[in-house]
């Protein structure tokens, strides 16, 4: 019974936080000023791992299935022909309490040709079970909702 009461309280707290949520003011596009634990900080780690071809650490920011045994292999298979050469942040927009869209200019080498593309990464705050939660929750971790660029 107490679990049910705790669960209800958590839902009510989330609803109240959602109703009073306000987007962050002026978010810096300078990676050196990104706040640890922010969606842009998580994406910056992902992009730097991509440049270094560190597929294992890239999985920390990508959604994976609990049943997936070796997520880095799936990531490597997709990204091994797409080499990130450089990136630049264009905009960071808090869309909701648990959702931030980050537009990044990407310079990618694919099959020997350089391609430039602006890509919108949708970052979601989730808990260890993959449930979307408040960005202010201590167990929140940021994941890129969609990541198959080019």
C-alpha atoms as a PDB file:
ATOM      1  CA  UNK A   1       0.000   0.000   0.000  1.00  0.00           C
ATOM      2  CA  UNK A   2       2.836   2.410   0.810  1.00  0.00           C
ATOM      3  CA  UNK A   3       4.391   1.672  -2.622  1.00  0.00           C
ATOM      4  CA  UNK A   4       1.156   2.767  -4.262  1.00  0.00           C
ATOM      5  CA  UNK A   5       1.083   5.968  -2.198  1.00  0.00           C
ATOM      6  CA  UNK A   6       4.742   6.701  -3.065  1.00  0.00           C
ATOM      7  CA  UNK A   7       4.048   6.070  -6.736  1.00  0.00           C
ATOM      8  CA  UNK A   8       1.027   8.400  -6.679  1.00  0.00           C
ATOM      9  CA  UNK A   9       3.080  11.099  -4.920  1.00  0.00           C
ATOM     10  CA  UNK A  10       5.791  10.762  -7.561  1.00  0.00           C
ATOM     11  CA  UNK A  11       3.230  11.181 -10.349  1.00  0.00           C
ATOM     12  CA  UNK A  12       1.716  14.221  -8.633  1.00  0.00           C
ATOM     13  CA  UNK A  13       5.166  15.771  -8.100  1.00  0.00           C
ATOM     14  CA  UNK A  14       6.072  15.192 -11.768  1.00  0.00           C
ATOM     15  CA  UNK A  15       2.764  16.719 -12.926  1.00  0.00           C
ATOM     16  CA  UNK A  16       3.310  19.799 -10.733  1.00  0.00           C
ATOM     17  CA  UNK A  17       6.866  20.205 -11.984  1.00  0.00           C
ATOM     18  CA  UNK A  18       5.682  19.817 -15.582  1.00  0.00           C
ATOM     19  CA  UNK A  19       3.036  22.512 -15.139  1.00  0.00           C
ATOM     20  CA  UNK A  20       5.488  24.986 -13.604  1.00  0.00           C
ATOM     21  CA  UNK A  21       8.427  24.192 -15.911  1.00  0.00           C
ATOM     22  CA  UNK A  22      10.217  27.069 -17.669  1.00  0.00           C
ATOM     23  CA  UNK A  23      12.951  26.627 -20.294  1.00  0.00           C
ATOM     24  CA  UNK A  24      16.488  27.621 -19.360  1.00  0.00           C
ATOM     25  CA  UNK A  25      17.593  31.140 -20.342  1.00  0.00           C
ATOM     26  CA  UNK A  26      20.511  31.696 -22.715  1.00  0.00           C
ATOM     27  CA  UNK A  27      22.303  28.370 -22.994  1.00  0.00           C
ATOM     28  CA  UNK A  28      25.924  28.714 -24.065  1.00  0.00           C
ATOM     29  CA  UNK A  29      26.961  27.042 -27.325  1.00  0.00           C
ATOM     30  CA  UNK A  30      30.534  26.783 -26.028  1.00  0.00           C
ATOM     31  CA  UNK A  31      31.225  23.158 -24.974  1.00  0.00           C
ATOM     32  CA  UNK A  32      33.682  24.361 -22.321  1.00  0.00           C
ATOM     33  CA  UNK A  33      30.750  26.009 -20.522  1.00  0.00           C
ATOM     34  CA  UNK A  34      28.345  23.047 -20.661  1.00  0.00           C
ATOM     35  CA  UNK A  35      27.061  22.072 -17.237  1.00  0.00           C
ATOM     36  CA  UNK A  36      27.808  18.494 -16.137  1.00  0.00           C
ATOM     37  CA  UNK A  37      24.579  16.488 -16.282  1.00  0.00           C
ATOM     38  CA  UNK A  38      22.986  18.683 -18.963  1.00  0.00           C
ATOM     39  CA  UNK A  39      21.731  17.296 -22.299  1.00  0.00           C
ATOM     40  CA  UNK A  40      24.340  19.287 -24.212  1.00  0.00           C
ATOM     41  CA  UNK A  41      27.091  17.891 -21.975  1.00  0.00           C
ATOM     42  CA  UNK A  42      25.928  14.317 -22.711  1.00  0.00           C
ATOM     43  CA  UNK A  43      25.754  14.998 -26.456  1.00  0.00           C
ATOM     44  CA  UNK A  44      29.219  16.560 -26.398  1.00  0.00           C
ATOM     45  CA  UNK A  45      30.635  13.371 -24.872  1.00  0.00           C
ATOM     46  CA  UNK A  46      28.891  11.331 -27.583  1.00  0.00           C
ATOM     47  CA  UNK A  47      30.227  13.492 -30.426  1.00  0.00           C
ATOM     48  CA  UNK A  48      33.776  13.466 -29.060  1.00  0.00           C
ATOM     49  CA  UNK A  49      33.609   9.666 -28.722  1.00  0.00           C
ATOM     50  CA  UNK A  50      32.451   9.486 -32.352  1.00  0.00           C
ATOM     51  CA  UNK A  51      35.449  11.549 -33.489  1.00  0.00           C
ATOM     52  CA  UNK A  52      37.726   9.145 -31.574  1.00  0.00           C
ATOM     53  CA  UNK A  53      35.814   6.067 -32.893  1.00  0.00           C
ATOM     54  CA  UNK A  54      35.103   5.056 -29.311  1.00  0.00           C
ATOM     55  CA  UNK A  55      31.926   3.069 -30.075  1.00  0.00           C
ATOM     56  CA  UNK A  56      31.713   1.540 -26.607  1.00  0.00           C
ATOM     57  CA  UNK A  57      31.367   4.891 -24.864  1.00  0.00           C
ATOM     58  CA  UNK A  58      28.984   6.135 -27.561  1.00  0.00           C
ATOM     59  CA  UNK A  59      26.443   3.601 -26.302  1.00  0.00           C
ATOM     60  CA  UNK A  60      26.207   5.525 -23.023  1.00  0.00           C
ATOM     61  CA  UNK A  61      24.182   8.222 -24.820  1.00  0.00           C
ATOM     62  CA  UNK A  62      22.159   6.000 -27.153  1.00  0.00           C
ATOM     63  CA  UNK A  63      18.979   4.106 -26.339  1.00  0.00           C
ATOM     64  CA  UNK A  64      19.596   0.378 -26.121  1.00  0.00           C
ATOM     65  CA  UNK A  65      17.379  -2.575 -25.475  1.00  0.00           C
ATOM     66  CA  UNK A  66      17.806  -4.402 -22.158  1.00  0.00           C
ATOM     67  CA  UNK A  67      17.941  -7.644 -24.175  1.00  0.00           C
ATOM     68  CA  UNK A  68      20.737  -6.373 -26.416  1.00  0.00           C
ATOM     69  CA  UNK A  69      23.899  -8.235 -25.492  1.00  0.00           C
ATOM     70  CA  UNK A  70      26.527  -6.140 -27.297  1.00  0.00           C
ATOM     71  CA  UNK A  71      25.224  -2.653 -28.146  1.00  0.00           C
ATOM     72  CA  UNK A  72      28.689  -1.361 -29.162  1.00  0.00           C
ATOM     73  CA  UNK A  73      28.669  -3.784 -32.119  1.00  0.00           C
ATOM     74  CA  UNK A  74      25.413  -2.290 -33.412  1.00  0.00           C
ATOM     75  CA  UNK A  75      26.813   1.213 -32.965  1.00  0.00           C
ATOM     76  CA  UNK A  76      30.118   0.341 -34.619  1.00  0.00           C
ATOM     77  CA  UNK A  77      28.348  -1.284 -37.570  1.00  0.00           C
ATOM     78  CA  UNK A  78      26.416   1.906 -38.217  1.00  0.00           C
ATOM     79  CA  UNK A  79      29.172   4.467 -37.543  1.00  0.00           C
ATOM     80  CA  UNK A  80      32.264   2.665 -38.880  1.00  0.00           C
ATOM     81  CA  UNK A  81      31.616   4.081 -42.366  1.00  0.00           C
ATOM     82  CA  UNK A  82      30.708   7.537 -41.050  1.00  0.00           C
ATOM     83  CA  UNK A  83      33.738   9.359 -39.670  1.00  0.00           C
ATOM     84  CA  UNK A  84      32.945  12.545 -37.787  1.00  0.00           C
ATOM     85  CA  UNK A  85      35.584  15.112 -38.691  1.00  0.00           C
ATOM     86  CA  UNK A  86      34.180  18.159 -36.879  1.00  0.00           C
ATOM     87  CA  UNK A  87      31.028  19.545 -35.305  1.00  0.00           C
ATOM     88  CA  UNK A  88      29.664  22.892 -34.176  1.00  0.00           C
ATOM     89  CA  UNK A  89      26.663  23.662 -31.999  1.00  0.00           C
ATOM     90  CA  UNK A  90      24.069  25.883 -33.700  1.00  0.00           C
ATOM     91  CA  UNK A  91      21.278  25.951 -31.126  1.00  0.00           C
ATOM     92  CA  UNK A  92      20.101  24.352 -27.891  1.00  0.00           C
ATOM     93  CA  UNK A  93      16.377  24.510 -27.139  1.00  0.00           C
ATOM     94  CA  UNK A  94      14.618  23.112 -24.108  1.00  0.00           C
ATOM     95  CA  UNK A  95      11.376  21.806 -25.570  1.00  0.00           C
ATOM     96  CA  UNK A  96       9.985  20.377 -22.354  1.00  0.00           C
ATOM     97  CA  UNK A  97      10.809  19.262 -18.848  1.00  0.00           C
ATOM     98  CA  UNK A  98      12.470  16.094 -20.183  1.00  0.00           C
ATOM     99  CA  UNK A  99      13.281  17.069 -23.759  1.00  0.00           C
ATOM    100  CA  UNK A 100      15.959  19.266 -25.361  1.00  0.00           C
ATOM    101  CA  UNK A 101      16.632  19.637 -29.086  1.00  0.00           C
ATOM    102  CA  UNK A 102      20.217  20.412 -30.052  1.00  0.00           C
ATOM    103  CA  UNK A 103      21.069  21.441 -33.617  1.00  0.00           C
ATOM    104  CA  UNK A 104      24.642  20.597 -34.596  1.00  0.00           C
ATOM    105  CA  UNK A 105      26.537  21.140 -37.846  1.00  0.00           C
ATOM    106  CA  UNK A 106      28.327  17.887 -38.624  1.00  0.00           C
ATOM    107  CA  UNK A 107      31.185  17.320 -41.061  1.00  0.00           C
ATOM    108  CA  UNK A 108      31.182  13.608 -41.851  1.00  0.00           C
ATOM    109  CA  UNK A 109      33.427  11.589 -44.123  1.00  0.00           C
ATOM    110  CA  UNK A 110      31.446   8.810 -45.771  1.00  0.00           C
ATOM    111  CA  UNK A 111      33.009   6.571 -48.414  1.00  0.00           C
ATOM    112  CA  UNK A 112      35.849   9.033 -48.952  1.00  0.00           C
ATOM    113  CA  UNK A 113      33.585  12.077 -49.436  1.00  0.00           C
ATOM    114  CA  UNK A 114      33.027  14.896 -46.967  1.00  0.00           C
ATOM    115  CA  UNK A 115      29.413  15.756 -46.301  1.00  0.00           C
ATOM    116  CA  UNK A 116      28.122  18.611 -44.188  1.00  0.00           C
ATOM    117  CA  UNK A 117      24.766  18.431 -42.510  1.00  0.00           C
ATOM    118  CA  UNK A 118      22.850  20.201 -39.775  1.00  0.00           C
ATOM    119  CA  UNK A 119      21.304  17.583 -37.544  1.00  0.00           C
ATOM    120  CA  UNK A 120      18.777  17.949 -34.717  1.00  0.00           C
ATOM    121  CA  UNK A 121      19.549  15.633 -31.831  1.00  0.00           C
ATOM    122  CA  UNK A 122      16.528  15.080 -29.593  1.00  0.00           C
ATOM    123  CA  UNK A 123      17.804  14.504 -26.078  1.00  0.00           C
ATOM    124  CA  UNK A 124      15.506  12.863 -23.516  1.00  0.00           C
ATOM    125  CA  UNK A 125      15.951  12.556 -19.748  1.00  0.00           C
ATOM    126  CA  UNK A 126      15.358   8.940 -18.693  1.00  0.00           C
ATOM    127  CA  UNK A 127      15.866   6.724 -15.684  1.00  0.00           C
ATOM    128  CA  UNK A 128      17.691   3.363 -15.646  1.00  0.00           C
ATOM    129  CA  UNK A 129      14.512   1.628 -16.901  1.00  0.00           C
ATOM    130  CA  UNK A 130      14.200   3.901 -19.928  1.00  0.00           C
ATOM    131  CA  UNK A 131      11.239   5.826 -18.506  1.00  0.00           C
ATOM    132  CA  UNK A 132      11.140   9.529 -19.309  1.00  0.00           C
ATOM    133  CA  UNK A 133      11.600  11.541 -16.123  1.00  0.00           C
ATOM    134  CA  UNK A 134      12.200  15.122 -15.037  1.00  0.00           C
ATOM    135  CA  UNK A 135      15.518  16.699 -15.957  1.00  0.00           C
ATOM    136  CA  UNK A 136      15.765  17.638 -12.257  1.00  0.00           C
ATOM    137  CA  UNK A 137      15.506  14.042 -11.044  1.00  0.00           C
ATOM    138  CA  UNK A 138      18.809  12.898  -9.497  1.00  0.00           C
ATOM    139  CA  UNK A 139      18.726   9.631 -11.470  1.00  0.00           C
ATOM    140  CA  UNK A 140      18.079  11.373 -14.823  1.00  0.00           C
ATOM    141  CA  UNK A 141      20.463  10.488 -17.615  1.00  0.00           C
ATOM    142  CA  UNK A 142      20.341  12.066 -21.067  1.00  0.00           C
ATOM    143  CA  UNK A 143      19.894   9.903 -24.171  1.00  0.00           C
ATOM    144  CA  UNK A 144      19.743  10.806 -27.839  1.00  0.00           C
ATOM    145  CA  UNK A 145      16.315   9.751 -29.068  1.00  0.00           C
ATOM    146  CA  UNK A 146      17.400   9.524 -32.694  1.00  0.00           C
ATOM    147  CA  UNK A 147      20.966   9.122 -33.781  1.00  0.00           C
ATOM    148  CA  UNK A 148      21.119   7.628 -37.272  1.00  0.00           C
ATOM    149  CA  UNK A 149      22.623  10.617 -39.025  1.00  0.00           C
ATOM    150  CA  UNK A 150      23.054  10.578 -42.826  1.00  0.00           C
END
